[in-house]
Protein backbone atom coordinates (compact mmCIF):
# COMPACT_ATOMS: atom_id res chain seq x y z
CA UNK A 1 67.42 154.95 104.62
CA UNK A 2 70.01 156.16 107.60
CA UNK A 3 71.41 159.54 107.69
CA UNK A 4 72.82 159.29 111.05
CA UNK A 5 76.44 158.18 110.77
CA UNK A 6 78.02 159.59 107.81
CA UNK A 7 76.64 159.84 104.64
CA UNK A 8 73.64 158.24 104.17
CA UNK A 9 72.96 154.64 103.22
CA UNK A 10 70.03 152.30 102.72
CA UNK A 11 70.05 149.98 105.59
CA UNK A 12 67.77 147.04 105.82
CA UNK A 13 66.80 144.71 108.34
CA UNK A 14 65.58 141.05 108.19
CA UNK A 15 65.24 137.59 109.87
CA UNK A 16 67.62 134.62 109.35
CA UNK A 17 67.15 131.02 110.83
CA UNK A 18 70.98 129.52 111.81
CA UNK A 19 71.37 126.35 113.11
CA UNK A 20 73.16 125.94 116.15
CA UNK A 21 73.09 122.26 116.80
CA UNK A 22 71.64 119.43 114.52
CA UNK A 23 67.93 119.87 115.01
CA UNK A 24 67.87 123.14 116.48
CA UNK A 25 67.19 126.34 115.10
CA UNK A 26 67.50 129.62 116.26
CA UNK A 27 66.20 133.31 114.60
CA UNK A 28 68.76 135.72 114.66
CA UNK A 29 67.99 139.24 113.30
CA UNK A 30 70.46 140.36 110.70
CA UNK A 31 71.06 143.98 109.25
CA UNK A 32 73.04 144.46 105.92
CA UNK A 33 73.90 148.26 104.16
CA UNK A 34 72.50 148.28 100.49
CA UNK A 35 74.69 150.92 99.42
CA UNK A 36 75.39 154.36 99.75
CA UNK A 37 72.70 156.96 98.50
CA UNK A 38 75.15 158.58 96.09
CA UNK A 39 75.04 154.97 94.13
CA UNK A 40 71.67 153.78 95.41
CA UNK A 41 70.02 156.70 94.60
CA UNK A 42 65.66 155.29 94.59
CA UNK A 43 64.18 153.20 97.26
CA UNK A 44 63.36 150.69 94.73
CA UNK A 45 66.61 149.98 93.56
CA UNK A 46 67.67 149.20 96.91
CA UNK A 47 64.46 146.93 97.25
CA UNK A 48 65.67 144.81 94.57
CA UNK A 49 69.47 144.72 96.06
CA UNK A 50 67.47 143.29 98.86
CA UNK A 51 65.29 141.09 97.14
CA UNK A 52 68.34 139.48 95.82
CA UNK A 53 69.65 138.65 99.27
CA UNK A 54 66.44 137.35 100.68
CA UNK A 55 65.56 134.91 97.76
CA UNK A 56 68.26 132.15 98.67
CA UNK A 57 66.57 133.26 102.64
CA UNK A 58 63.26 132.91 101.34
CA UNK A 59 63.80 129.10 99.49
CA UNK A 60 61.92 126.66 101.06
CA UNK A 61 64.55 123.93 99.73
CA UNK A 62 67.43 126.14 101.72
CA UNK A 63 68.96 124.70 104.47
CA UNK A 64 69.98 127.16 107.67
CA UNK A 65 73.40 127.98 107.67
CA UNK A 66 75.36 126.13 110.82
CA UNK A 67 77.49 128.61 113.17
CA UNK A 68 79.83 125.43 113.69
CA UNK A 69 83.19 125.51 113.02
CA UNK A 70 85.44 123.38 111.19
CA UNK A 71 87.37 122.90 114.31
CA UNK A 72 84.51 122.01 116.52
CA UNK A 73 82.89 119.40 114.04
CA UNK A 74 86.37 117.39 113.64
CA UNK A 75 85.77 116.57 117.41
CA UNK A 76 82.16 115.04 116.06
CA UNK A 77 84.07 113.65 113.26
CA UNK A 78 86.70 112.07 115.15
CA UNK A 79 84.31 109.93 117.16
CA UNK A 80 81.70 109.73 114.14
CA UNK A 81 83.77 108.46 112.02
CA UNK A 82 87.28 108.08 112.95
CA UNK A 83 86.46 105.84 115.62
CA UNK A 84 85.49 102.92 113.15
CA UNK A 85 88.45 103.10 111.05
CA UNK A 86 91.66 101.12 111.05
CA UNK A 87 94.52 102.39 113.33
CA UNK A 88 96.78 102.76 110.48
CA UNK A 89 93.79 104.94 108.66
CA UNK A 90 93.15 106.53 111.90
CA UNK A 91 96.67 108.08 111.98
CA UNK A 92 96.82 108.80 108.78
CA UNK A 93 93.95 111.22 109.33
CA UNK A 94 95.11 112.34 112.55
CA UNK A 95 98.28 113.67 111.04
CA UNK A 96 96.36 115.62 107.99
CA UNK A 97 94.09 117.00 110.49
CA UNK A 98 96.86 118.68 112.62
CA UNK A 99 99.28 119.71 110.46
CA UNK A 100 97.54 120.52 106.99
CA UNK A 101 93.61 120.96 108.33
CA UNK A 102 93.23 122.38 111.75
CA UNK A 103 95.83 125.47 110.46
CA UNK A 104 93.55 126.97 107.77
CA UNK A 105 89.97 125.79 108.37
CA UNK A 106 90.02 125.57 112.42
CA UNK A 107 88.11 128.79 112.84
CA UNK A 108 86.52 128.84 109.52
CA UNK A 109 82.56 128.42 109.95
CA UNK A 110 81.96 124.72 107.82
CA UNK A 111 78.94 127.04 106.06
CA UNK A 112 81.60 129.65 105.07
CA UNK A 113 84.26 126.98 103.68
CA UNK A 114 84.13 127.27 99.55
CA UNK A 115 85.13 125.06 96.79
CA UNK A 116 86.86 128.31 96.04
CA UNK A 117 88.69 128.35 99.56
CA UNK A 118 89.61 124.61 99.32
CA UNK A 119 91.35 124.84 95.71
CA UNK A 120 93.20 128.09 97.49
CA UNK A 121 94.05 125.38 100.35
CA UNK A 122 95.46 122.86 98.00
CA UNK A 123 97.23 124.93 95.52
CA UNK A 124 99.35 126.29 98.54
CA UNK A 125 99.80 123.21 98.96
CA UNK A 126 101.45 122.63 95.24
CA UNK A 127 103.46 125.63 96.09
CA UNK A 128 105.17 124.69 99.40
CA UNK A 129 106.24 121.72 96.78
CA UNK A 130 104.34 118.86 98.20
CA UNK A 131 104.10 115.96 95.93
CA UNK A 132 101.10 115.10 93.80
CA UNK A 133 99.91 112.06 95.80
CA UNK A 134 99.85 113.94 99.13
CA UNK A 135 97.93 116.83 97.33
CA UNK A 136 95.26 113.85 96.33
CA UNK A 137 95.46 112.72 100.23
CA UNK A 138 94.61 115.69 101.21
CA UNK A 139 91.56 116.34 99.39
CA UNK A 140 90.36 112.85 99.30
CA UNK A 141 90.72 113.16 103.43
CA UNK A 142 89.00 116.64 103.36
CA UNK A 143 86.39 114.98 101.37
CA UNK A 144 85.33 112.34 103.57
CA UNK A 145 85.14 115.12 106.50
CA UNK A 146 82.62 117.17 104.47
CA UNK A 147 80.42 113.82 103.16
CA UNK A 148 80.36 113.22 106.88
CA UNK A 149 79.32 116.84 107.51
CA UNK A 150 76.62 116.77 105.17
CA UNK A 151 75.42 113.23 106.39
CA UNK A 152 74.69 114.54 110.21
CA UNK A 153 73.28 117.64 108.69
CA UNK A 154 75.86 120.16 109.22
CA UNK A 155 76.76 121.44 105.35
CA UNK A 156 74.49 121.00 102.22
CA UNK A 157 77.08 120.13 99.78
CA UNK A 158 80.48 119.20 99.54
CA UNK A 159 82.84 122.00 98.56
CA UNK A 160 86.00 119.73 97.61
CA UNK A 161 84.33 118.61 95.17
CA UNK A 162 85.18 119.59 91.60
CA UNK A 163 88.66 121.17 92.74
CA UNK A 164 91.59 120.42 90.92
CA UNK A 165 94.41 118.49 91.05
CA UNK A 166 98.06 119.80 90.16
CA UNK A 167 99.36 117.52 86.67
CA UNK A 168 101.04 114.44 87.61
CA UNK A 169 105.20 114.72 88.00
CA UNK A 170 107.24 113.01 86.23
CA UNK A 171 108.19 109.50 87.90
CA UNK A 172 111.51 108.35 88.00
CA UNK A 173 111.81 104.66 87.48
CA UNK A 174 112.81 102.62 90.12
CA UNK A 175 115.65 100.77 90.61
CA UNK A 176 115.09 97.09 91.59
CA UNK A 177 117.57 94.56 92.55
CA UNK A 178 118.30 91.75 89.87
CA UNK A 179 117.79 88.44 90.32
CA UNK A 180 120.91 87.79 91.36
CA UNK A 181 120.65 90.60 93.72
CA UNK A 182 117.87 89.49 95.18
CA UNK A 183 118.74 85.71 95.68
CA UNK A 184 121.74 86.99 97.35
CA UNK A 185 120.09 88.98 99.60
CA UNK A 186 117.71 85.95 100.75
CA UNK A 187 120.76 83.51 101.55
CA UNK A 188 122.77 86.21 103.91
CA UNK A 189 119.51 87.30 105.72
CA UNK A 190 119.01 84.84 108.80
CA UNK A 191 115.86 82.88 109.35
CA UNK A 192 112.89 83.83 109.77
CA UNK A 193 113.43 86.83 107.81
CA UNK A 194 115.02 85.32 104.81
CA UNK A 195 111.76 83.29 104.16
CA UNK A 196 109.90 86.43 104.90
CA UNK A 197 111.69 88.34 102.24
CA UNK A 198 111.62 85.21 100.00
CA UNK A 199 107.86 85.49 100.75
CA UNK A 200 107.05 88.65 99.51
CA UNK A 201 109.53 88.63 96.33
CA UNK A 202 107.75 85.06 95.86
CA UNK A 203 103.65 86.09 96.38
CA UNK A 204 103.53 89.81 96.54
CA UNK A 205 101.92 89.45 99.54
CA UNK A 206 101.76 93.09 101.64
CA UNK A 207 104.69 93.01 104.51
CA UNK A 208 101.72 93.46 107.04
CA UNK A 209 100.11 90.27 105.70
CA UNK A 210 103.17 88.42 106.95
CA UNK A 211 101.21 87.88 110.51
CA UNK A 212 100.35 84.30 109.13
CA UNK A 213 99.98 81.29 111.28
CA UNK A 214 100.94 77.73 110.17
CA UNK A 215 97.35 76.68 110.55
CA UNK A 216 96.79 79.25 108.05
CA UNK A 217 99.15 77.16 105.33
CA UNK A 218 96.93 73.99 103.66
CA UNK A 219 99.41 71.84 102.56
CA UNK A 220 97.36 69.69 100.50
CA UNK A 221 96.02 72.54 98.17
CA UNK A 222 99.15 74.23 98.27
CA UNK A 223 98.00 77.59 99.64
CA UNK A 224 98.45 80.22 102.17
CA UNK A 225 95.40 82.17 103.30
CA UNK A 226 96.18 85.92 103.65
CA UNK A 227 93.47 85.76 107.25
CA UNK A 228 94.80 89.33 109.31
CA UNK A 229 97.21 91.63 108.85
CA UNK A 230 99.68 94.37 111.71
CA UNK A 231 100.69 97.55 111.80
CA UNK A 232 102.80 98.55 115.03
CA UNK A 233 101.61 95.40 116.72
CA UNK A 234 98.21 95.90 116.32
CA UNK A 235 96.44 92.84 114.53
CA UNK A 236 93.18 93.79 111.87
CA UNK A 237 91.68 92.72 108.95
CA UNK A 238 93.91 92.87 105.70
CA UNK A 239 93.11 95.90 103.30
CA UNK A 240 90.55 95.34 100.78
CA UNK A 241 89.35 92.13 102.46
CA UNK A 242 86.58 90.22 100.57
CA UNK A 243 87.34 87.32 102.65
CA UNK A 244 90.14 85.23 103.49
CA UNK A 245 92.23 85.69 100.16
CA UNK A 246 94.87 82.64 99.17
CA UNK A 247 97.86 82.69 98.05
CA UNK A 248 98.72 79.96 95.75
CA UNK A 249 102.28 78.03 96.33
CA UNK A 250 104.33 75.65 94.38
CA UNK A 251 105.26 71.77 96.27
CA UNK A 252 109.01 73.91 96.39
CA UNK A 253 107.39 76.97 98.08
CA UNK A 254 105.20 74.61 100.75
CA UNK A 255 108.26 72.37 101.62
CA UNK A 256 110.53 75.61 101.94
CA UNK A 257 107.91 76.78 104.93
CA UNK A 258 107.58 73.34 106.33
CA UNK A 259 111.33 72.98 106.51
CA UNK A 260 110.97 76.16 108.40
CA UNK A 261 108.33 75.46 110.92
CA UNK A 262 110.43 71.99 111.82
CA UNK A 263 113.35 74.04 112.30
CA UNK A 264 111.22 76.15 114.90
CA UNK A 265 109.78 73.25 116.35
CA UNK A 266 106.28 74.94 115.77
CA UNK A 267 102.93 74.48 115.96
CA UNK A 268 100.05 75.42 114.07
CA UNK A 269 98.57 77.76 116.26
CA UNK A 270 102.53 79.78 116.48
CA UNK A 271 103.27 82.37 114.38
CA UNK A 272 105.06 82.05 111.20
CA UNK A 273 107.26 84.80 111.39
CA UNK A 274 107.03 85.39 115.21
CA UNK A 275 108.74 88.48 117.29
CA UNK A 276 111.70 87.89 119.61
CA UNK A 277 108.72 87.55 122.46
CA UNK A 278 107.01 84.93 120.57
CA UNK A 279 103.99 87.30 121.33
CA UNK A 280 102.63 88.17 118.59
CA UNK A 281 104.20 88.52 114.77
CA UNK A 282 107.27 90.64 113.68
CA UNK A 283 106.77 94.34 113.58
CA UNK A 284 107.84 94.53 109.27
CA UNK A 285 108.69 98.24 109.92
CA UNK A 286 110.91 97.81 112.67
CA UNK A 287 112.57 94.64 110.91
CA UNK A 288 113.49 96.42 107.84
CA UNK A 289 115.43 99.43 109.44
CA UNK A 290 117.28 96.74 111.72
CA UNK A 291 117.60 93.30 110.04
CA UNK A 292 117.13 94.08 105.92
CA UNK A 293 118.54 97.07 104.77
CA UNK A 294 121.70 96.80 106.77
CA UNK A 295 122.57 93.52 104.97
CA UNK A 296 121.63 94.92 101.36
CA UNK A 297 123.72 97.89 101.97
CA UNK A 298 126.71 95.55 103.04
CA UNK A 299 126.12 93.59 99.65
CA UNK A 300 125.83 96.94 97.92
CA UNK A 301 122.44 96.58 96.73
CA UNK A 302 119.64 99.36 95.76
CA UNK A 303 117.94 101.04 98.66
CA UNK A 304 115.42 98.33 99.33
CA UNK A 305 112.06 98.30 101.09
CA UNK A 306 109.65 96.00 101.45
CA UNK A 307 107.20 98.11 98.65
CA UNK A 308 110.25 97.37 96.38
CA UNK A 309 110.31 94.10 97.01
CA UNK A 310 106.64 93.46 96.41
CA UNK A 311 106.70 95.48 93.48
CA UNK A 312 109.25 93.96 92.42
CA UNK A 313 107.46 90.54 91.93
CA UNK A 314 104.62 92.24 90.40
CA UNK A 315 107.15 93.29 87.99
CA UNK A 316 108.24 90.38 87.25
CA UNK A 317 104.95 88.24 86.75
CA UNK A 318 103.88 90.77 84.12
CA UNK A 319 107.02 90.43 82.41
CA UNK A 320 106.51 87.10 82.25
CA UNK A 321 103.52 86.87 80.64
CA UNK A 322 100.99 86.37 84.00
CA UNK A 323 97.82 87.21 82.90
CA UNK A 324 97.43 90.80 85.09
CA UNK A 325 94.17 89.31 86.36
CA UNK A 326 96.21 86.94 88.06
CA UNK A 327 98.49 89.66 88.99
CA UNK A 328 95.94 91.37 90.64
CA UNK A 329 94.17 88.66 92.37
CA UNK A 330 97.69 87.54 93.94
CA UNK A 331 98.33 91.18 94.99
CA UNK A 332 95.15 91.63 96.70
CA UNK A 333 94.42 94.82 95.07
CA UNK A 334 90.78 96.34 94.31
CA UNK A 335 89.90 98.00 90.84
CA UNK A 336 87.60 100.33 90.23
CA UNK A 337 84.81 97.84 88.65
CA UNK A 338 84.57 96.19 92.22
CA UNK A 339 81.30 94.30 91.88
CA UNK A 340 83.34 92.68 88.85
CA UNK A 341 86.18 91.91 90.58
CA UNK A 342 84.26 90.25 93.13
CA UNK A 343 82.78 87.42 91.28
CA UNK A 344 85.07 86.91 88.40
CA UNK A 345 87.43 84.18 89.91
CA UNK A 346 91.08 83.95 88.81
CA UNK A 347 91.51 80.99 86.02
CA UNK A 348 93.15 78.03 87.66
CA UNK A 349 95.58 77.70 84.73
CA UNK A 350 96.75 81.61 85.70
CA UNK A 351 96.84 80.67 89.65
CA UNK A 352 99.62 77.71 88.71
CA UNK A 353 101.77 80.79 86.80
CA UNK A 354 101.25 83.20 89.12
CA UNK A 355 102.34 80.77 91.74
CA UNK A 356 105.30 78.97 89.84
CA UNK A 357 106.61 81.99 87.68
CA UNK A 358 108.95 82.89 90.64
CA UNK A 359 109.22 80.37 93.20
CA UNK A 360 111.84 78.50 90.25
CA UNK A 361 113.58 81.62 89.81
CA UNK A 362 114.40 82.59 93.73
CA UNK A 363 116.01 80.39 96.45
CA UNK A 364 114.20 77.13 97.32
CA UNK A 365 115.99 75.97 99.96
CA UNK A 366 115.84 77.40 103.63
CA UNK A 367 118.87 79.86 104.26
CA UNK A 368 121.51 78.43 106.20
CA UNK A 369 121.37 81.24 108.93
CA UNK A 370 121.02 80.98 112.80
CA UNK A 371 117.93 81.97 113.66
CA UNK A 372 117.74 86.11 114.71
CA UNK A 373 115.95 87.55 117.43
CA UNK A 374 113.25 90.30 116.37
């Protein structure tokens, strides 16, 4: 009991192990106020309160608390985990770290971040008016950071696990262009952008997967192989790649592509959709704003994006009765049951149906426009 500093109170001192770095444990002397004498009148009661504090500390299964802060661990996370991510993934994580995570958690010790803290963070983003998908991404990103911290010995549990997300908001129905409008857009665009838009619509390939070389086209099998993707000029593997993904084409599809190849006087090692310097594939992000959207606006079409064109194709296939499995394979989507998805092959008839459904409905001939520099 201490009586030298104001009202008498019960004070206890004990030793606690603290991890300064993984593998390095220091023993720190702790002091705790167990309560004032008027609230804890007997030594026995003070000892009982101390026992509650010491129980988790004396637990042999306990992992000593880390002194490292969230900001300090992020520096390690960048080199341990982010360095192995694709550039697009890295940019997304870095944005969330800089804009959302560090301002809130930066100075906080990892050991002091609780589920309550994370829940308050997510609720705050809801109050700010962030979209539900944004909040989901923030939660998943935090969870990934905490999982890495657990893996490398900096945390014992994931405080993001079990936190709740806001309810889904009402989604407005997308305004797709009509078949006639999309055909008009394709006809009006110059090559090779016209064929690029046509291919995304007819195959639902991702725009960053337009990094085709002519050698990826198998004329005899009527296959176009998705083997690479590009973002901001950087080549990488396609999303959810299991191996090279084939796109089944019709004879008319193949002929359209061969007409483009002949017109461009291209060789098998050349890019199907080259940039203006012929040093790589088009940057789909730039082409959209510079070439496609201005023409679409001039034609009075709905706001056109690559995603809208891709989703248009998928919607058309589903509406026309193409089996969901065939559509999923054509889009290159992954499903929750990943193992099943990897070993169940698309039926031959379904692949043919997926290839033919849109090809016969969109402009089949090569656009008459002149080539344009990208």
